[in-house]
Amino acid sequence: MKCLIFSDAVDTANQLVSFFSGIMEVDCIVPEAVAKAVSAHCSGNIFAMKESVFPDSITAVIAKTYRNSKYDYVFLGSTAIGRDVAGMLSVDLGLNVAAEITSFKLDGSSCVTKRYFYGGKTVIEESSNARILTVMPGIAEPKSAPAAGKISEVSQEASQVTMVSRESKAAGSVDLEKASIIVSVGRGIGNKENIEKIKPLADAVHGEIAGSRPVCLDYHWLSEDRQVGLSGKKVKPKMYIALGISGQIQHIAGIRGSKIVVAVNKDKSAPIFEEADYGLVGDLFQIVPKLVAAIKG
């Protein structure tokens, strides 16, 4: 049994290759910029394609490669492009899709997968005949392959879409998905200026500051790249400290991968406490300085 893996993100590609190499034979089809990095983790064939932002062009070359080599599965990193390609590929190949999976195992001719459900409030396990699957980041830690994979170029057809203009988005200042400790704030901090009172805690624990959707998108107290939640970053730090965050299911969906969750909220009934390993009920502006003092000893 063998599979074909696509991701336009290096980290996700390496994770997928490392995970599925323990289950079946793995080949990759990735952008040229990703191919070299993936070769350290994939012993199979690595098909390098020209960089493209157009899903129809990517879909066409993946479908052609799939048909030529008769793969059993196609796994795609759950990025904006990966999700678009999955839908197009399903129509092109006539195969079912399982989306946003967080685990995978074979069960005879079927596969058993898990994914977040009800906006991340729970996890659902499903058995299906899906052959195209989008995979959430964090499914495995990248592992080196016994031998480097062989890289070869694949030709692509031109997209049916023409780019008229392109405006670059400001680069993000932080990569929360790699952070080992995150100090996250919600509306409970009151205003933008109070974020300065949180920074000593982030510095003390060597963590990154993040925020809920209202903080990042509604009030713009923090930049968009620091948003955690269903519509933001899905993080998996060793510790996630939630300050003044109520814990709605959209936010919980983004912190499911956290090893330890610490919550501080003055509302003892806040939903965040149902998800927290440790909870402190009280005024965060009184609690945070005491935490900082205790950490510094």
Protein backbone atom coordinates (compact mmCIF):
# COMPACT_ATOMS: atom_id res chain seq x y z
CA MET A 1 0.00 0.00 0.00
CA LYS A 2 1.32 3.45 -0.86
CA CYS A 3 0.29 7.07 -0.66
CA LEU A 4 1.03 10.44 -2.22
CA ILE A 5 1.56 13.43 0.07
CA PHE A 6 1.14 17.11 -0.79
CA SER A 7 1.71 20.19 1.33
CA ASP A 8 2.84 23.70 0.44
CA ALA A 9 4.10 24.15 4.04
CA VAL A 10 7.49 22.63 4.90
CA ASP A 11 6.73 21.75 8.54
CA THR A 12 3.42 20.08 7.72
CA ALA A 13 4.96 18.15 4.81
CA ASN A 14 7.70 16.79 7.08
CA GLN A 15 5.15 15.80 9.73
CA LEU A 16 2.95 13.97 7.23
CA VAL A 17 5.86 12.10 5.67
CA SER A 18 7.19 11.02 9.08
CA PHE A 19 3.79 9.80 10.26
CA PHE A 20 2.62 7.93 7.17
CA SER A 21 6.02 6.36 6.47
CA GLY A 22 5.31 4.13 9.46
CA ILE A 23 2.07 2.89 7.87
CA MET A 24 2.70 2.58 4.12
CA GLU A 25 5.05 3.52 1.30
CA VAL A 26 5.25 7.27 0.84
CA ASP A 27 5.93 9.49 -2.16
CA CYS A 28 5.65 13.28 -2.11
CA ILE A 29 4.53 15.87 -4.60
CA VAL A 30 5.45 19.31 -3.33
CA PRO A 31 6.56 22.76 -4.51
CA GLU A 32 10.24 23.08 -5.45
CA ALA A 33 10.87 25.19 -2.35
CA VAL A 34 9.65 22.35 -0.12
CA ALA A 35 11.24 19.41 -1.96
CA LYS A 36 14.77 19.68 -0.57
CA ALA A 37 13.60 19.93 3.05
CA VAL A 38 11.26 16.96 2.62
CA SER A 39 14.01 14.79 1.13
CA ALA A 40 15.60 14.44 4.57
CA HIS A 41 12.41 12.79 5.85
CA CYS A 42 11.14 10.89 2.80
CA SER A 43 12.95 7.89 1.30
CA GLY A 44 10.49 7.61 -1.58
CA ASN A 45 10.02 9.58 -4.76
CA ILE A 46 9.74 13.35 -4.41
CA PHE A 47 8.05 15.11 -7.31
CA ALA A 48 8.91 18.80 -7.37
CA MET A 49 6.40 21.15 -9.02
CA LYS A 50 6.64 24.80 -9.87
CA GLU A 51 5.42 27.15 -7.16
CA SER A 52 1.75 27.92 -7.76
CA VAL A 53 -1.04 29.64 -5.86
CA PHE A 54 -3.70 28.28 -8.19
CA PRO A 55 -5.38 25.08 -6.92
CA ASP A 56 -6.54 23.95 -10.38
CA SER A 57 -2.95 23.72 -11.68
CA ILE A 58 -1.82 21.84 -8.55
CA THR A 59 -4.83 19.53 -8.72
CA ALA A 60 -4.12 18.59 -12.33
CA VAL A 61 -0.54 17.48 -11.67
CA ILE A 62 -1.46 15.56 -8.50
CA ALA A 63 -4.31 13.76 -10.32
CA LYS A 64 -2.00 12.84 -13.21
CA THR A 65 0.67 11.51 -10.84
CA TYR A 66 -1.95 9.58 -8.87
CA ARG A 67 -3.31 7.86 -11.96
CA ASN A 68 0.12 7.03 -13.37
CA SER A 69 1.34 5.29 -10.22
CA LYS A 70 -1.96 3.99 -8.83
CA TYR A 71 -1.69 5.23 -5.25
CA ASP A 72 -4.05 4.04 -2.54
CA TYR A 73 -4.33 7.36 -0.67
CA VAL A 74 -3.62 11.06 -1.09
CA PHE A 75 -2.86 13.05 2.06
CA LEU A 76 -2.79 16.84 1.91
CA GLY A 77 -1.66 19.30 4.54
CA SER A 78 -4.65 21.27 5.81
CA THR A 79 -3.53 24.65 4.49
CA ALA A 80 -5.66 27.09 2.50
CA ILE A 81 -4.33 25.63 -0.75
CA GLY A 82 -4.43 22.04 0.49
CA ARG A 83 -8.12 22.26 1.37
CA ASP A 84 -8.99 23.75 -2.02
CA VAL A 85 -7.01 21.07 -3.85
CA ALA A 86 -8.70 18.28 -1.85
CA GLY A 87 -12.15 19.31 -3.07
CA MET A 88 -11.06 19.62 -6.70
CA LEU A 89 -9.16 16.35 -6.52
CA SER A 90 -12.21 14.55 -5.17
CA VAL A 91 -14.23 15.62 -8.22
CA ASP A 92 -11.41 14.85 -10.65
CA LEU A 93 -10.67 11.35 -9.30
CA GLY A 94 -14.17 10.49 -8.08
CA LEU A 95 -12.94 9.69 -4.56
CA ASN A 96 -14.36 10.56 -1.14
CA VAL A 97 -12.67 13.08 1.15
CA ALA A 98 -12.13 13.05 4.92
CA ALA A 99 -11.26 16.56 6.11
CA GLU A 100 -9.17 18.00 8.94
CA ILE A 101 -8.11 14.66 10.45
CA THR A 102 -5.86 14.48 13.50
CA SER A 103 -5.18 10.72 13.46
CA PHE A 104 -5.28 7.85 10.98
CA LYS A 105 -5.14 4.06 11.03
CA LEU A 106 -6.04 1.28 8.59
CA ASP A 107 -8.84 -1.18 9.27
CA GLY A 108 -9.01 -3.66 6.40
CA SER A 109 -10.17 -1.79 3.31
CA SER A 110 -11.35 1.17 5.40
CA CYS A 111 -9.54 3.87 7.34
CA VAL A 112 -10.32 5.08 10.82
CA THR A 113 -9.79 8.78 11.45
CA LYS A 114 -10.37 11.34 14.19
CA ARG A 115 -11.23 15.02 13.84
CA TYR A 116 -12.57 17.83 15.98
CA PHE A 117 -16.37 18.15 16.02
CA TYR A 118 -18.91 20.76 17.14
CA GLY A 119 -16.39 23.55 16.63
CA GLY A 120 -13.70 21.69 18.56
CA LYS A 121 -15.84 20.88 21.60
CA THR A 122 -15.37 17.16 21.09
CA VAL A 123 -13.54 14.62 18.93
CA ILE A 124 -15.31 12.29 16.54
CA GLU A 125 -13.92 8.94 15.33
CA GLU A 126 -15.06 7.76 11.89
CA SER A 127 -14.56 4.71 9.68
CA SER A 128 -14.81 5.43 5.96
CA ASN A 129 -13.63 4.58 2.46
CA ALA A 130 -12.11 8.04 2.00
CA ARG A 131 -9.01 8.04 -0.15
CA ILE A 132 -8.28 11.78 -0.08
CA LEU A 133 -7.64 13.24 3.37
CA THR A 134 -6.61 16.66 4.63
CA VAL A 135 -4.41 16.44 7.73
CA MET A 136 -4.13 18.99 10.53
CA PRO A 137 -0.64 20.17 11.56
CA GLY A 138 0.84 18.37 14.56
CA ILE A 139 0.07 14.75 13.63
CA ALA A 140 3.71 13.76 14.32
CA GLU A 141 7.17 15.08 15.01
CA PRO A 142 9.39 15.01 11.89
CA LYS A 143 11.89 12.13 11.80
CA SER A 144 14.92 11.68 9.58
CA ALA A 145 14.64 9.03 6.86
CA PRO A 146 17.21 6.20 6.50
CA ALA A 147 18.05 7.59 3.05
CA ALA A 148 17.24 10.81 1.23
CA GLY A 149 14.45 10.64 -1.33
CA LYS A 150 15.06 11.12 -5.05
CA ILE A 151 13.85 14.49 -6.34
CA SER A 152 12.53 14.80 -9.90
CA GLU A 153 10.63 17.60 -11.61
CA VAL A 154 7.06 17.20 -12.85
CA SER A 155 5.47 19.30 -15.56
CA GLN A 156 2.34 21.33 -14.89
CA GLU A 157 -0.43 22.67 -17.04
CA ALA A 158 -1.14 26.37 -16.96
CA SER A 159 -3.91 27.49 -14.63
CA GLN A 160 -7.23 28.67 -16.02
CA VAL A 161 -6.92 31.62 -13.65
CA THR A 162 -4.87 34.68 -14.53
CA MET A 163 -3.37 36.80 -11.78
CA VAL A 164 -4.20 40.43 -12.38
CA SER A 165 -2.32 41.90 -9.41
CA ARG A 166 -0.81 40.78 -6.14
CA GLU A 167 -0.49 42.63 -2.87
CA SER A 168 1.79 41.17 -0.23
CA LYS A 169 0.45 40.87 3.29
CA ALA A 170 2.63 42.14 6.11
CA ALA A 171 4.81 39.35 7.42
CA GLY A 172 3.83 37.92 10.79
CA SER A 173 6.05 38.68 13.76
CA VAL A 174 5.66 35.32 15.48
CA ASP A 175 5.12 31.64 14.69
CA LEU A 176 2.77 30.50 17.44
CA GLU A 177 2.59 26.97 16.05
CA LYS A 178 6.23 26.46 17.12
CA ALA A 179 5.98 28.15 20.52
CA SER A 180 6.56 25.91 23.55
CA ILE A 181 4.85 28.32 25.97
CA ILE A 182 2.03 30.74 25.12
CA VAL A 183 0.50 33.45 27.30
CA SER A 184 -2.85 34.30 25.76
CA VAL A 185 -5.20 37.16 26.62
CA GLY A 186 -8.91 37.72 26.13
CA ARG A 187 -11.36 40.57 26.57
CA GLY A 188 -10.91 40.22 30.31
CA ILE A 189 -7.73 42.30 30.17
CA GLY A 190 -9.95 45.35 29.56
CA ASN A 191 -7.94 47.36 27.03
CA LYS A 192 -4.87 47.33 24.80
CA GLU A 193 -2.70 49.19 27.29
CA ASN A 194 -3.11 46.39 29.84
CA ILE A 195 -1.19 43.99 27.58
CA GLU A 196 1.94 45.70 28.92
CA LYS A 197 1.01 44.33 32.36
CA ILE A 198 1.01 40.80 30.90
CA LYS A 199 4.42 41.00 29.22
CA PRO A 200 6.40 40.41 32.46
CA LEU A 201 4.72 37.00 32.77
CA ALA A 202 5.48 36.13 29.15
CA ASP A 203 9.10 37.18 29.69
CA ALA A 204 9.36 35.19 32.93
CA VAL A 205 8.20 31.95 31.30
CA HIS A 206 9.99 32.69 27.98
CA GLY A 207 6.64 32.51 26.19
CA GLU A 208 4.91 34.19 23.28
CA ILE A 209 1.90 36.48 23.72
CA ALA A 210 -1.28 35.52 21.86
CA GLY A 211 -4.95 36.45 21.99
CA SER A 212 -8.51 35.41 21.36
CA ARG A 213 -10.46 36.42 18.25
CA PRO A 214 -11.99 39.58 19.79
CA VAL A 215 -8.57 40.76 20.96
CA CYS A 216 -6.92 40.23 17.57
CA LEU A 217 -9.67 40.78 15.00
CA ASP A 218 -12.37 42.90 16.65
CA TYR A 219 -10.38 45.30 18.82
CA HIS A 220 -6.94 44.93 17.18
CA TRP A 221 -5.15 44.96 20.51
CA LEU A 222 -2.82 42.32 19.03
CA SER A 223 -1.94 41.55 15.42
CA GLU A 224 -3.86 38.95 13.44
CA ASP A 225 -0.94 36.50 13.39
CA ARG A 226 -1.28 36.16 17.17
CA GLN A 227 -4.89 34.94 17.10
CA VAL A 228 -5.54 31.47 18.54
CA GLY A 229 -8.76 29.62 17.77
CA LEU A 230 -10.88 27.95 15.13
CA SER A 231 -10.33 30.81 12.67
CA GLY A 232 -6.79 31.51 13.88
CA LYS A 233 -3.76 29.40 14.79
CA LYS A 234 -4.08 25.85 16.10
CA VAL A 235 -1.34 25.56 18.68
CA LYS A 236 0.26 22.73 20.66
CA PRO A 237 2.58 24.28 23.27
CA LYS A 238 3.89 22.54 26.35
CA MET A 239 1.95 25.13 28.35
CA TYR A 240 -0.90 27.46 27.42
CA ILE A 241 -1.73 30.21 29.91
CA ALA A 242 -5.16 31.76 29.31
CA LEU A 243 -5.74 35.13 30.96
CA GLY A 244 -9.23 36.67 30.91
CA ILE A 245 -10.41 34.22 28.23
CA SER A 246 -13.93 32.84 28.70
CA GLY A 247 -13.21 29.69 26.68
CA GLN A 248 -15.81 29.55 23.92
CA ILE A 249 -15.62 26.44 21.75
CA GLN A 250 -14.09 28.39 18.84
CA HIS A 251 -11.12 29.23 21.04
CA ILE A 252 -10.87 25.76 22.58
CA ALA A 253 -10.57 24.32 19.05
CA GLY A 254 -7.27 26.14 18.71
CA ILE A 255 -5.68 24.89 21.95
CA ARG A 256 -6.62 21.21 21.89
CA GLY A 257 -3.02 20.21 21.28
CA SER A 258 -1.70 21.96 24.41
CA LYS A 259 0.00 19.68 26.94
CA ILE A 260 -0.96 21.81 29.98
CA VAL A 261 -3.59 24.56 30.13
CA VAL A 262 -3.55 27.13 32.94
CA ALA A 263 -6.54 29.48 33.20
CA VAL A 264 -6.99 32.71 35.15
CA ASN A 265 -10.48 34.24 35.18
CA LYS A 266 -12.59 36.11 37.70
CA ASP A 267 -15.70 34.18 36.60
CA LYS A 268 -15.61 30.79 38.31
CA SER A 269 -18.21 29.51 35.81
CA ALA A 270 -16.15 30.39 32.72
CA PRO A 271 -16.05 27.46 30.25
CA ILE A 272 -12.23 27.69 30.09
CA PHE A 273 -12.04 25.98 33.48
CA GLU A 274 -13.59 22.84 31.99
CA GLU A 275 -10.56 22.58 29.69
CA ALA A 276 -7.89 23.73 32.13
CA ASP A 277 -5.49 21.49 34.02
CA TYR A 278 -4.97 24.29 36.54
CA GLY A 279 -7.36 27.15 37.25
CA LEU A 280 -7.14 30.33 39.30
CA VAL A 281 -10.29 32.31 40.06
CA GLY A 282 -9.63 35.97 40.68
CA ASP A 283 -8.44 39.32 39.34
CA LEU A 284 -5.73 38.55 36.79
CA PHE A 285 -4.01 41.89 37.50
CA GLN A 286 -3.48 40.74 41.09
CA ILE A 287 -2.62 37.15 40.18
CA VAL A 288 -0.16 37.80 37.33
CA PRO A 289 2.34 39.84 39.42
CA LYS A 290 2.31 37.09 42.09
CA LEU A 291 2.98 34.44 39.41
CA VAL A 292 5.87 36.49 38.06
CA ALA A 293 7.33 36.92 41.56
CA ALA A 294 7.01 33.20 42.28
CA ILE A 295 8.66 32.23 38.98
CA LYS A 296 11.57 34.60 39.54
CA GLY A 297 11.93 33.23 43.05
